[in-house]
């Protein structure tokens, strides 16, 4: 994941693409956990998953096409 985020963050297009990629990975992880882990195994992960979800929900604004990718309140510009 880090190699995929090694980019020119001052370039708006690169930043939007990276944020969209990261958002897809977070969503994919959440779906995988929901499908494959029962409550006993998932419970220790819950605080981390909740934190990721909270940051995503708070700090991503839609870009022109409506997909997440812009930075929002409290997110680095």
PDB file of N, CA and C in Angstrom:
ATOM      1  N   UNK A   1       0.829  -1.176   0.000  1.00  0.00           N
ATOM      2  CA  UNK A   1       0.000   0.000   0.000  1.00  0.00           C
ATOM      3  C   UNK A   1       0.879   1.247   0.000  1.00  0.00           C
ATOM      4  N   UNK A   2       1.956   1.251   0.782  1.00  0.00           N
ATOM      5  CA  UNK A   2       2.785   2.451   0.864  1.00  0.00           C
ATOM      6  C   UNK A   2       3.360   2.819  -0.497  1.00  0.00           C
ATOM      7  N   UNK A   3       3.813   1.837  -1.255  1.00  0.00           N
ATOM      8  CA  UNK A   3       4.373   2.135  -2.574  1.00  0.00           C
ATOM      9  C   UNK A   3       3.324   2.797  -3.461  1.00  0.00           C
ATOM     10  N   UNK A   4       2.081   2.385  -3.342  1.00  0.00           N
ATOM     11  CA  UNK A   4       1.011   2.983  -4.126  1.00  0.00           C
ATOM     12  C   UNK A   4       0.713   4.409  -3.721  1.00  0.00           C
ATOM     13  N   UNK A   5       1.124   4.787  -2.520  1.00  0.00           N
ATOM     14  CA  UNK A   5       0.869   6.143  -2.027  1.00  0.00           C
ATOM     15  C   UNK A   5       2.107   7.035  -2.121  1.00  0.00           C
ATOM     16  N   UNK A   6       3.182   6.500  -2.717  1.00  0.00           N
ATOM     17  CA  UNK A   6       4.400   7.274  -2.914  1.00  0.00           C
ATOM     18  C   UNK A   6       4.241   8.063  -4.207  1.00  0.00           C
ATOM     19  N   UNK A   7       3.712   9.274  -4.077  1.00  0.00           N
ATOM     20  CA  UNK A   7       3.392  10.085  -5.245  1.00  0.00           C
ATOM     21  C   UNK A   7       3.548  11.549  -4.916  1.00  0.00           C
ATOM     22  N   UNK A   8       3.308  12.374  -5.889  1.00  0.00           N
ATOM     23  CA  UNK A   8       3.399  13.822  -5.713  1.00  0.00           C
ATOM     24  C   UNK A   8       2.065  14.317  -5.151  1.00  0.00           C
ATOM     25  N   UNK A   9       2.000  14.496  -3.838  1.00  0.00           N
ATOM     26  CA  UNK A   9       0.752  14.885  -3.186  1.00  0.00           C
ATOM     27  C   UNK A   9       0.348  16.318  -3.526  1.00  0.00           C
ATOM     28  N   UNK A  10       1.233  17.094  -4.126  1.00  0.00           N
ATOM     29  CA  UNK A  10       0.843  18.438  -4.540  1.00  0.00           C
ATOM     30  C   UNK A  10       0.126  18.414  -5.898  1.00  0.00           C
ATOM     31  N   UNK A  11       0.180  17.281  -6.605  1.00  0.00           N
ATOM     32  CA  UNK A  11      -0.534  17.117  -7.873  1.00  0.00           C
ATOM     33  C   UNK A  11      -1.943  16.628  -7.563  1.00  0.00           C
ATOM     34  N   UNK A  12      -2.939  17.474  -7.802  1.00  0.00           N
ATOM     35  CA  UNK A  12      -4.323  17.155  -7.432  1.00  0.00           C
ATOM     36  C   UNK A  12      -4.801  15.835  -8.037  1.00  0.00           C
ATOM     37  N   UNK A  13      -4.489  15.566  -9.295  1.00  0.00           N
ATOM     38  CA  UNK A  13      -4.939  14.324  -9.934  1.00  0.00           C
ATOM     39  C   UNK A  13      -4.348  13.101  -9.238  1.00  0.00           C
ATOM     40  N   UNK A  14      -3.040  13.146  -8.937  1.00  0.00           N
ATOM     41  CA  UNK A  14      -2.406  12.024  -8.254  1.00  0.00           C
ATOM     42  C   UNK A  14      -3.006  11.822  -6.864  1.00  0.00           C
ATOM     43  N   UNK A  15      -3.248  12.935  -6.169  1.00  0.00           N
ATOM     44  CA  UNK A  15      -3.812  12.853  -4.821  1.00  0.00           C
ATOM     45  C   UNK A  15      -5.208  12.232  -4.853  1.00  0.00           C
ATOM     46  N   UNK A  16      -6.056  12.679  -5.783  1.00  0.00           N
ATOM     47  CA  UNK A  16      -7.414  12.150  -5.884  1.00  0.00           C
ATOM     48  C   UNK A  16      -7.376  10.658  -6.195  1.00  0.00           C
ATOM     49  N   UNK A  17      -6.535  10.243  -7.136  1.00  0.00           N
ATOM     50  CA  UNK A  17      -6.437   8.822  -7.483  1.00  0.00           C
ATOM     51  C   UNK A  17      -5.975   7.987  -6.289  1.00  0.00           C
ATOM     52  N   UNK A  18      -5.001   8.501  -5.542  1.00  0.00           N
ATOM     53  CA  UNK A  18      -4.496   7.765  -4.380  1.00  0.00           C
ATOM     54  C   UNK A  18      -5.566   7.638  -3.295  1.00  0.00           C
ATOM     55  N   UNK A  19      -6.300   8.709  -3.040  1.00  0.00           N
ATOM     56  CA  UNK A  19      -7.348   8.665  -2.020  1.00  0.00           C
ATOM     57  C   UNK A  19      -8.458   7.709  -2.441  1.00  0.00           C
ATOM     58  N   UNK A  20      -8.808   7.727  -3.721  1.00  0.00           N
ATOM     59  CA  UNK A  20      -9.832   6.802  -4.210  1.00  0.00           C
ATOM     60  C   UNK A  20      -9.370   5.354  -4.080  1.00  0.00           C
ATOM     61  N   UNK A  21      -8.095   5.089  -4.393  1.00  0.00           N
ATOM     62  CA  UNK A  21      -7.553   3.740  -4.268  1.00  0.00           C
ATOM     63  C   UNK A  21      -7.587   3.297  -2.804  1.00  0.00           C
ATOM     64  N   UNK A  22      -7.169   4.159  -1.911  1.00  0.00           N
ATOM     65  CA  UNK A  22      -7.168   3.830  -0.489  1.00  0.00           C
ATOM     66  C   UNK A  22      -8.585   3.591   0.018  1.00  0.00           C
ATOM     67  N   UNK A  23      -9.545   4.398  -0.425  1.00  0.00           N
ATOM     68  CA  UNK A  23     -10.938   4.221  -0.018  1.00  0.00           C
ATOM     69  C   UNK A  23     -11.471   2.878  -0.505  1.00  0.00           C
ATOM     70  N   UNK A  24     -11.127   2.474  -1.722  1.00  0.00           N
ATOM     71  CA  UNK A  24     -11.559   1.161  -2.237  1.00  0.00           C
ATOM     72  C   UNK A  24     -10.953   0.035  -1.407  1.00  0.00           C
ATOM     73  N   UNK A  25      -9.694   0.174  -1.018  1.00  0.00           N
ATOM     74  CA  UNK A  25      -9.038  -0.860  -0.217  1.00  0.00           C
ATOM     75  C   UNK A  25      -9.688  -0.966   1.163  1.00  0.00           C
ATOM     76  N   UNK A  26     -10.008   0.164   1.767  1.00  0.00           N
ATOM     77  CA  UNK A  26     -10.670   0.156   3.079  1.00  0.00           C
ATOM     78  C   UNK A  26     -12.051  -0.495   2.968  1.00  0.00           C
ATOM     79  N   UNK A  27     -12.798  -0.137   1.931  1.00  0.00           N
ATOM     80  CA  UNK A  27     -14.125  -0.734   1.729  1.00  0.00           C
ATOM     81  C   UNK A  27     -14.014  -2.235   1.505  1.00  0.00           C
ATOM     82  N   UNK A  28     -13.034  -2.644   0.722  1.00  0.00           N
ATOM     83  CA  UNK A  28     -12.823  -4.068   0.453  1.00  0.00           C
ATOM     84  C   UNK A  28     -12.469  -4.820   1.741  1.00  0.00           C
ATOM     85  N   UNK A  29     -11.625  -4.231   2.565  1.00  0.00           N
ATOM     86  CA  UNK A  29     -11.267  -4.851   3.846  1.00  0.00           C
ATOM     87  C   UNK A  29     -12.503  -5.001   4.725  1.00  0.00           C
ATOM     88  N   UNK A  30     -13.315  -3.963   4.807  1.00  0.00           N
ATOM     89  CA  UNK A  30     -14.522  -4.015   5.629  1.00  0.00           C
ATOM     90  C   UNK A  30     -15.464  -5.114   5.141  1.00  0.00           C
ATOM     91  N   UNK A  31     -15.654  -5.211   3.844  1.00  0.00           N
ATOM     92  CA  UNK A  31     -16.522  -6.254   3.285  1.00  0.00           C
ATOM     93  C   UNK A  31     -15.966  -7.640   3.564  1.00  0.00           C
ATOM     94  N   UNK A  32     -14.652  -7.802   3.434  1.00  0.00           N
ATOM     95  CA  UNK A  32     -14.037  -9.100   3.690  1.00  0.00           C
ATOM     96  C   UNK A  32     -14.239  -9.502   5.150  1.00  0.00           C
ATOM     97  N   UNK A  33     -13.991  -8.576   6.062  1.00  0.00           N
ATOM     98  CA  UNK A  33     -14.170  -8.861   7.491  1.00  0.00           C
ATOM     99  C   UNK A  33     -15.623  -9.240   7.762  1.00  0.00           C
ATOM    100  N   UNK A  34     -16.563  -8.489   7.202  1.00  0.00           N
ATOM    101  CA  UNK A  34     -17.983  -8.780   7.416  1.00  0.00           C
ATOM    102  C   UNK A  34     -18.361 -10.169   6.905  1.00  0.00           C
ATOM    103  N   UNK A  35     -17.792 -10.578   5.798  1.00  0.00           N
ATOM    104  CA  UNK A  35     -18.136 -11.883   5.207  1.00  0.00           C
ATOM    105  C   UNK A  35     -17.433 -13.059   5.861  1.00  0.00           C
ATOM    106  N   UNK A  36     -16.178 -12.882   6.264  1.00  0.00           N
ATOM    107  CA  UNK A  36     -15.345 -14.026   6.624  1.00  0.00           C
ATOM    108  C   UNK A  36     -15.030 -14.188   8.112  1.00  0.00           C
ATOM    109  N   UNK A  37     -15.223 -13.171   8.896  1.00  0.00           N
ATOM    110  CA  UNK A  37     -14.866 -13.293  10.306  1.00  0.00           C
ATOM    111  C   UNK A  37     -16.122 -13.280  11.160  1.00  0.00           C
ATOM    112  N   UNK A  38     -16.182 -14.198  12.079  1.00  0.00           N
ATOM    113  CA  UNK A  38     -17.320 -14.187  12.999  1.00  0.00           C
ATOM    114  C   UNK A  38     -17.068 -13.142  14.089  1.00  0.00           C
ATOM    115  N   UNK A  39     -18.071 -12.918  14.912  1.00  0.00           N
ATOM    116  CA  UNK A  39     -17.985 -11.858  15.920  1.00  0.00           C
ATOM    117  C   UNK A  39     -16.831 -12.042  16.891  1.00  0.00           C
ATOM    118  N   UNK A  40     -16.500 -13.288  17.238  1.00  0.00           N
ATOM    119  CA  UNK A  40     -15.421 -13.544  18.198  1.00  0.00           C
ATOM    120  C   UNK A  40     -14.078 -13.093  17.622  1.00  0.00           C
ATOM    121  N   UNK A  41     -13.845 -13.393  16.357  1.00  0.00           N
ATOM    122  CA  UNK A  41     -12.576 -13.026  15.726  1.00  0.00           C
ATOM    123  C   UNK A  41     -12.572 -11.542  15.366  1.00  0.00           C
ATOM    124  N   UNK A  42     -13.726 -11.026  14.940  1.00  0.00           N
ATOM    125  CA  UNK A  42     -13.813  -9.635  14.502  1.00  0.00           C
ATOM    126  C   UNK A  42     -13.705  -8.655  15.667  1.00  0.00           C
ATOM    127  N   UNK A  43     -14.148  -9.038  16.826  1.00  0.00           N
ATOM    128  CA  UNK A  43     -14.227  -8.105  17.956  1.00  0.00           C
ATOM    129  C   UNK A  43     -12.922  -7.379  18.265  1.00  0.00           C
ATOM    130  N   UNK A  44     -11.761  -8.053  18.296  1.00  0.00           N
ATOM    131  CA  UNK A  44     -10.522  -7.300  18.566  1.00  0.00           C
ATOM    132  C   UNK A  44     -10.180  -6.286  17.471  1.00  0.00           C
ATOM    133  N   UNK A  45     -10.677  -6.499  16.263  1.00  0.00           N
ATOM    134  CA  UNK A  45     -10.420  -5.579  15.154  1.00  0.00           C
ATOM    135  C   UNK A  45     -11.388  -4.398  15.119  1.00  0.00           C
ATOM    136  N   UNK A  46     -12.502  -4.514  15.820  1.00  0.00           N
ATOM    137  CA  UNK A  46     -13.575  -3.534  15.719  1.00  0.00           C
ATOM    138  C   UNK A  46     -13.126  -2.090  15.976  1.00  0.00           C
ATOM    139  N   UNK A  47     -12.326  -1.799  17.015  1.00  0.00           N
ATOM    140  CA  UNK A  47     -11.935  -0.393  17.227  1.00  0.00           C
ATOM    141  C   UNK A  47     -11.151   0.181  16.047  1.00  0.00           C
ATOM    142  N   UNK A  48     -10.324  -0.643  15.423  1.00  0.00           N
ATOM    143  CA  UNK A  48      -9.531  -0.177  14.282  1.00  0.00           C
ATOM    144  C   UNK A  48     -10.402   0.034  13.052  1.00  0.00           C
ATOM    145  N   UNK A  49     -11.301  -0.899  12.803  1.00  0.00           N
ATOM    146  CA  UNK A  49     -12.221  -0.757  11.673  1.00  0.00           C
ATOM    147  C   UNK A  49     -13.129   0.455  11.862  1.00  0.00           C
ATOM    148  N   UNK A  50     -13.599   0.655  13.084  1.00  0.00           N
ATOM    149  CA  UNK A  50     -14.451   1.814  13.366  1.00  0.00           C
ATOM    150  C   UNK A  50     -13.686   3.127  13.148  1.00  0.00           C
ATOM    151  N   UNK A  51     -12.415   3.155  13.566  1.00  0.00           N
ATOM    152  CA  UNK A  51     -11.610   4.366  13.392  1.00  0.00           C
ATOM    153  C   UNK A  51     -11.396   4.668  11.913  1.00  0.00           C
ATOM    154  N   UNK A  52     -11.094   3.641  11.129  1.00  0.00           N
ATOM    155  CA  UNK A  52     -10.905   3.830   9.686  1.00  0.00           C
ATOM    156  C   UNK A  52     -12.189   4.347   9.056  1.00  0.00           C
ATOM    157  N   UNK A  53     -13.307   3.754   9.430  1.00  0.00           N
ATOM    158  CA  UNK A  53     -14.599   4.168   8.890  1.00  0.00           C
ATOM    159  C   UNK A  53     -14.909   5.609   9.273  1.00  0.00           C
ATOM    160  N   UNK A  54     -14.633   5.975  10.502  1.00  0.00           N
ATOM    161  CA  UNK A  54     -14.901   7.341  10.966  1.00  0.00           C
ATOM    162  C   UNK A  54     -14.064   8.354  10.199  1.00  0.00           C
ATOM    163  N   UNK A  55     -12.786   8.075  10.019  1.00  0.00           N
ATOM    164  CA  UNK A  55     -11.919   8.990   9.275  1.00  0.00           C
ATOM    165  C   UNK A  55     -12.408   9.108   7.834  1.00  0.00           C
ATOM    166  N   UNK A  56     -12.738   7.980   7.230  1.00  0.00           N
ATOM    167  CA  UNK A  56     -13.226   8.004   5.846  1.00  0.00           C
ATOM    168  C   UNK A  56     -14.506   8.830   5.741  1.00  0.00           C
ATOM    169  N   UNK A  57     -15.431   8.620   6.651  1.00  0.00           N
ATOM    170  CA  UNK A  57     -16.711   9.330   6.599  1.00  0.00           C
ATOM    171  C   UNK A  57     -16.561  10.822   6.876  1.00  0.00           C
ATOM    172  N   UNK A  58     -15.647  11.189   7.744  1.00  0.00           N
ATOM    173  CA  UNK A  58     -15.455  12.597   8.112  1.00  0.00           C
ATOM    174  C   UNK A  58     -14.666  13.368   7.073  1.00  0.00           C
ATOM    175  N   UNK A  59     -13.652  12.746   6.516  1.00  0.00           N
ATOM    176  CA  UNK A  59     -12.634  13.499   5.811  1.00  0.00           C
ATOM    177  C   UNK A  59     -12.619  13.349   4.299  1.00  0.00           C
ATOM    178  N   UNK A  60     -13.558  12.630   3.714  1.00  0.00           N
ATOM    179  CA  UNK A  60     -13.576  12.522   2.265  1.00  0.00           C
ATOM    180  C   UNK A  60     -14.791  13.244   1.710  1.00  0.00           C
ATOM    181  N   UNK A  61     -14.535  14.099   0.775  1.00  0.00           N
ATOM    182  CA  UNK A  61     -15.606  14.797   0.078  1.00  0.00           C
ATOM    183  C   UNK A  61     -15.621  14.291  -1.353  1.00  0.00           C
ATOM    184  N   UNK A  62     -16.779  14.263  -1.971  1.00  0.00           N
ATOM    185  CA  UNK A  62     -16.817  13.828  -3.366  1.00  0.00           C
ATOM    186  C   UNK A  62     -16.080  14.810  -4.270  1.00  0.00           C
ATOM    187  N   UNK A  63     -15.433  14.273  -5.282  1.00  0.00           N
ATOM    188  CA  UNK A  63     -14.838  15.125  -6.310  1.00  0.00           C
ATOM    189  C   UNK A  63     -15.896  15.374  -7.373  1.00  0.00           C
ATOM    190  N   UNK A  64     -15.529  16.000  -8.445  1.00  0.00           N
ATOM    191  CA  UNK A  64     -16.490  16.433  -9.453  1.00  0.00           C
ATOM    192  C   UNK A  64     -17.427  15.313  -9.915  1.00  0.00           C
ATOM    193  N   UNK A  65     -16.928  14.087 -10.072  1.00  0.00           N
ATOM    194  CA  UNK A  65     -17.776  13.006 -10.586  1.00  0.00           C
ATOM    195  C   UNK A  65     -18.590  12.312  -9.492  1.00  0.00           C
ATOM    196  N   UNK A  66     -18.497  12.792  -8.251  1.00  0.00           N
ATOM    197  CA  UNK A  66     -19.291  12.243  -7.154  1.00  0.00           C
ATOM    198  C   UNK A  66     -18.617  11.142  -6.370  1.00  0.00           C
ATOM    199  N   UNK A  67     -17.457  10.641  -6.821  1.00  0.00           N
ATOM    200  CA  UNK A  67     -16.756   9.601  -6.084  1.00  0.00           C
ATOM    201  C   UNK A  67     -15.911  10.231  -4.995  1.00  0.00           C
ATOM    202  N   UNK A  68     -15.645   9.480  -3.908  1.00  0.00           N
ATOM    203  CA  UNK A  68     -14.803  10.029  -2.851  1.00  0.00           C
ATOM    204  C   UNK A  68     -13.410  10.295  -3.397  1.00  0.00           C
ATOM    205  N   UNK A  69     -12.760  11.296  -2.897  1.00  0.00           N
ATOM    206  CA  UNK A  69     -11.403  11.537  -3.333  1.00  0.00           C
ATOM    207  C   UNK A  69     -10.879  12.888  -2.937  1.00  0.00           C
ATOM    208  N   UNK A  70     -11.752  13.800  -2.622  1.00  0.00           N
ATOM    209  CA  UNK A  70     -11.297  15.100  -2.158  1.00  0.00           C
ATOM    210  C   UNK A  70     -11.000  15.036  -0.679  1.00  0.00           C
ATOM    211  N   UNK A  71     -10.230  15.972  -0.211  1.00  0.00           N
ATOM    212  CA  UNK A  71      -9.979  16.022   1.220  1.00  0.00           C
ATOM    213  C   UNK A  71     -11.028  16.880   1.869  1.00  0.00           C
ATOM    214  N   UNK A  72     -11.400  16.535   3.064  1.00  0.00           N
ATOM    215  CA  UNK A  72     -12.451  17.259   3.763  1.00  0.00           C
ATOM    216  C   UNK A  72     -11.928  17.919   5.010  1.00  0.00           C
ATOM    217  N   UNK A  73     -12.834  18.141   5.954  1.00  0.00           N
ATOM    218  CA  UNK A  73     -12.471  18.789   7.216  1.00  0.00           C
ATOM    219  C   UNK A  73     -11.377  18.009   7.914  1.00  0.00           C
ATOM    220  N   UNK A  74     -10.325  18.682   8.248  1.00  0.00           N
ATOM    221  CA  UNK A  74      -9.267  18.067   9.026  1.00  0.00           C
ATOM    222  C   UNK A  74      -8.329  17.191   8.221  1.00  0.00           C
ATOM    223  N   UNK A  75      -8.593  16.986   6.961  1.00  0.00           N
ATOM    224  CA  UNK A  75      -7.710  16.157   6.147  1.00  0.00           C
ATOM    225  C   UNK A  75      -6.639  17.035   5.523  1.00  0.00           C
ATOM    226  N   UNK A  76      -5.466  16.466   5.328  1.00  0.00           N
ATOM    227  CA  UNK A  76      -4.415  17.263   4.699  1.00  0.00           C
ATOM    228  C   UNK A  76      -4.794  17.635   3.276  1.00  0.00           C
ATOM    229  N   UNK A  77      -4.535  18.843   2.898  1.00  0.00           N
ATOM    230  CA  UNK A  77      -4.855  19.300   1.537  1.00  0.00           C
ATOM    231  C   UNK A  77      -3.753  18.940   0.572  1.00  0.00           C
TER     232      UNK A  77
END
